[in-house]
Amino acid sequence: MPEMFYKEAGAFYIDFLKAEILLAEGKSQEAITVCKQMTQLEIPTMHTANIAFYNVPFISDTLARAYVQMGDLDKAISEYDRILTFDSESKERRLIHPKYHYRLAKLYEQQGDMTKAIEHYEKFLSLWKDADAGIAEVEDARERLAGLKNLP
């Protein structure tokens, strides 16, 4: 990999960890500021080692979770929609973690949009249909989906 990629990756991961720490400390506004200033990484070449390195951490929804922590569900939903939507103009090509669908479904449920909540719970459960027993999010999604489908 080119040296420039390592410099960009180092800066990205420092900012990512800083934002995660701020979020864990309850400093959501500061975490949002850091997230918005982060540069997105480009994959320099498409081979296995680069893709694996590029996609760690596997869950990188810090900005969306910061909005949730602040109570701004509209911005959180918007951020999850951005993460889940392929943008051909963006340099970012990260893998999409199934948990994003689960988290987005819960936000839609909180806002009362049961149709979209059902859609994202179903997508999440479809992607994790072979998940190991006992995964809390899978069990919760099944229960929530069943409850939503039984609503009048």
Protein backbone atom coordinates (compact mmCIF):
# COMPACT_ATOMS: atom_id res chain seq x y z
CA MET A 1 0.00 0.00 0.00
CA PRO A 2 1.25 3.51 -0.71
CA GLU A 3 2.68 5.54 2.16
CA MET A 4 -0.03 8.19 1.73
CA PHE A 5 -2.70 5.59 2.49
CA TYR A 6 -1.02 4.77 5.81
CA LYS A 7 -0.95 8.46 6.78
CA GLU A 8 -4.63 8.90 5.86
CA ALA A 9 -5.57 5.65 7.60
CA GLY A 10 -3.69 6.66 10.74
CA ALA A 11 -5.45 10.02 10.86
CA PHE A 12 -8.81 8.36 10.23
CA TYR A 13 -8.40 5.80 13.00
CA ILE A 14 -7.18 8.40 15.50
CA ASP A 15 -10.27 10.51 14.81
CA PHE A 16 -12.52 7.45 14.88
CA LEU A 17 -11.22 6.37 18.29
CA LYS A 18 -11.44 9.93 19.60
CA ALA A 19 -15.09 10.14 18.52
CA GLU A 20 -15.87 6.75 20.11
CA ILE A 21 -14.26 7.83 23.39
CA LEU A 22 -16.17 11.11 23.39
CA LEU A 23 -19.40 9.22 22.73
CA ALA A 24 -18.66 6.79 25.59
CA GLU A 25 -18.08 9.78 27.86
CA GLY A 26 -21.48 11.21 26.89
CA LYS A 27 -19.96 14.08 24.93
CA SER A 28 -22.12 13.56 21.87
CA GLN A 29 -21.78 17.07 20.43
CA GLU A 30 -17.98 16.83 20.52
CA ALA A 31 -18.17 13.35 18.95
CA ILE A 32 -20.33 14.76 16.16
CA THR A 33 -17.80 17.51 15.51
CA VAL A 34 -14.96 14.98 15.23
CA CYS A 35 -17.03 12.69 12.97
CA LYS A 36 -17.90 15.51 10.59
CA GLN A 37 -14.23 16.47 10.23
CA MET A 38 -12.99 12.93 9.56
CA THR A 39 -11.67 12.15 6.11
CA GLN A 40 -13.12 9.07 4.46
CA LEU A 41 -10.63 6.48 3.32
CA GLU A 42 -10.30 5.27 -0.23
CA ILE A 43 -9.27 1.71 -0.92
CA PRO A 44 -5.91 2.01 -2.71
CA THR A 45 -6.12 -1.39 -4.42
CA MET A 46 -8.74 -4.08 -4.31
CA HIS A 47 -7.15 -7.12 -2.76
CA THR A 48 -8.06 -9.07 0.37
CA ALA A 49 -5.56 -7.53 2.80
CA ASN A 50 -6.58 -3.98 1.89
CA ILE A 51 -10.29 -4.72 2.08
CA ALA A 52 -9.93 -6.38 5.49
CA PHE A 53 -7.86 -3.47 6.86
CA TYR A 54 -10.25 -0.93 5.33
CA ASN A 55 -13.35 -2.49 6.89
CA VAL A 56 -12.07 -2.54 10.47
CA PRO A 57 -13.86 -1.56 12.61
CA PHE A 58 -16.81 -3.46 11.21
CA ILE A 59 -19.31 -1.17 12.87
CA SER A 60 -18.64 2.48 12.21
CA ASP A 61 -21.90 4.27 12.90
CA THR A 62 -20.47 6.63 15.50
CA LEU A 63 -22.14 9.72 14.05
CA ALA A 64 -25.58 8.08 13.99
CA ARG A 65 -25.18 6.85 17.57
CA ALA A 66 -24.09 10.35 18.67
CA TYR A 67 -27.29 11.77 17.21
CA VAL A 68 -29.27 9.11 19.08
CA GLN A 69 -27.45 10.00 22.29
CA MET A 70 -28.42 13.65 21.73
CA GLY A 71 -32.04 12.64 21.12
CA ASP A 72 -32.02 13.82 17.50
CA LEU A 73 -33.70 10.81 15.91
CA ASP A 74 -34.28 12.54 12.56
CA LYS A 75 -30.55 13.12 12.06
CA ALA A 76 -29.75 9.61 13.30
CA ILE A 77 -32.19 8.11 10.79
CA SER A 78 -30.75 10.28 8.05
CA GLU A 79 -27.22 9.10 8.88
CA TYR A 80 -28.23 5.43 8.88
CA ASP A 81 -29.99 5.96 5.55
CA ARG A 82 -26.77 7.48 4.20
CA ILE A 83 -24.70 4.55 5.48
CA LEU A 84 -27.11 2.02 3.96
CA THR A 85 -27.42 3.73 0.58
CA PHE A 86 -24.76 3.21 -2.07
CA ASP A 87 -23.46 6.54 -3.38
CA SER A 88 -21.47 6.27 -6.59
CA GLU A 89 -20.02 9.75 -5.98
CA SER A 90 -18.57 8.80 -2.58
CA LYS A 91 -15.05 7.45 -2.16
CA GLU A 92 -16.26 5.26 0.69
CA ARG A 93 -16.83 1.58 -0.06
CA ARG A 94 -17.15 0.01 3.38
CA LEU A 95 -19.13 -3.15 3.93
CA ILE A 96 -22.59 -2.57 5.38
CA HIS A 97 -23.03 -4.27 8.75
CA PRO A 98 -26.46 -5.89 9.28
CA LYS A 99 -26.77 -4.26 12.71
CA TYR A 100 -27.37 -0.93 10.96
CA HIS A 101 -30.74 -2.28 9.79
CA TYR A 102 -31.59 -3.33 13.34
CA ARG A 103 -30.63 0.03 14.80
CA LEU A 104 -32.49 1.92 12.10
CA ALA A 105 -35.58 -0.25 12.60
CA LYS A 106 -35.61 0.63 16.30
CA LEU A 107 -35.40 4.34 15.45
CA TYR A 108 -38.28 4.08 12.98
CA GLU A 109 -40.27 2.21 15.63
CA GLN A 110 -39.58 5.00 18.15
CA GLN A 111 -40.80 7.55 15.63
CA GLY A 112 -43.95 5.57 14.90
CA ASP A 113 -43.11 4.58 11.32
CA MET A 114 -44.01 0.92 11.71
CA THR A 115 -43.84 0.15 7.99
CA LYS A 116 -40.18 1.16 7.76
CA ALA A 117 -39.43 -0.47 11.12
CA ILE A 118 -40.84 -3.77 9.83
CA GLU A 119 -38.86 -3.41 6.58
CA HIS A 120 -35.55 -2.99 8.40
CA TYR A 121 -36.23 -5.68 11.03
CA GLU A 122 -37.02 -8.09 8.19
CA LYS A 123 -33.85 -7.09 6.31
CA PHE A 124 -31.76 -7.54 9.46
CA LEU A 125 -33.26 -10.94 10.22
CA SER A 126 -32.89 -12.01 6.60
CA LEU A 127 -29.19 -11.15 6.65
CA TRP A 128 -28.70 -12.93 9.97
CA LYS A 129 -31.06 -15.83 9.36
CA ASP A 130 -28.30 -18.30 10.29
CA ALA A 131 -27.06 -16.37 13.34
CA ASP A 132 -26.00 -18.29 16.42
CA ALA A 133 -28.65 -18.66 19.12
CA GLY A 134 -28.53 -16.15 21.93
CA ILE A 135 -27.54 -13.02 20.02
CA ALA A 136 -29.51 -10.31 21.82
CA GLU A 137 -30.20 -8.17 18.75
CA VAL A 138 -31.57 -11.12 16.77
CA GLU A 139 -33.88 -12.21 19.57
CA ASP A 140 -35.03 -8.64 20.16
CA ALA A 141 -35.65 -8.05 16.45
CA ARG A 142 -37.74 -11.23 16.21
CA GLU A 143 -39.85 -10.16 19.20
CA ARG A 144 -40.28 -6.61 17.96
CA LEU A 145 -41.14 -7.73 14.44
CA ALA A 146 -43.73 -10.21 15.73
CA GLY A 147 -45.24 -7.48 17.88
CA LEU A 148 -45.37 -4.98 15.01
CA LYS A 149 -46.96 -7.51 12.67
CA ASN A 150 -49.70 -8.19 15.27
CA LEU A 151 -50.67 -4.53 15.52
CA PRO A 152 -54.18 -3.71 14.27
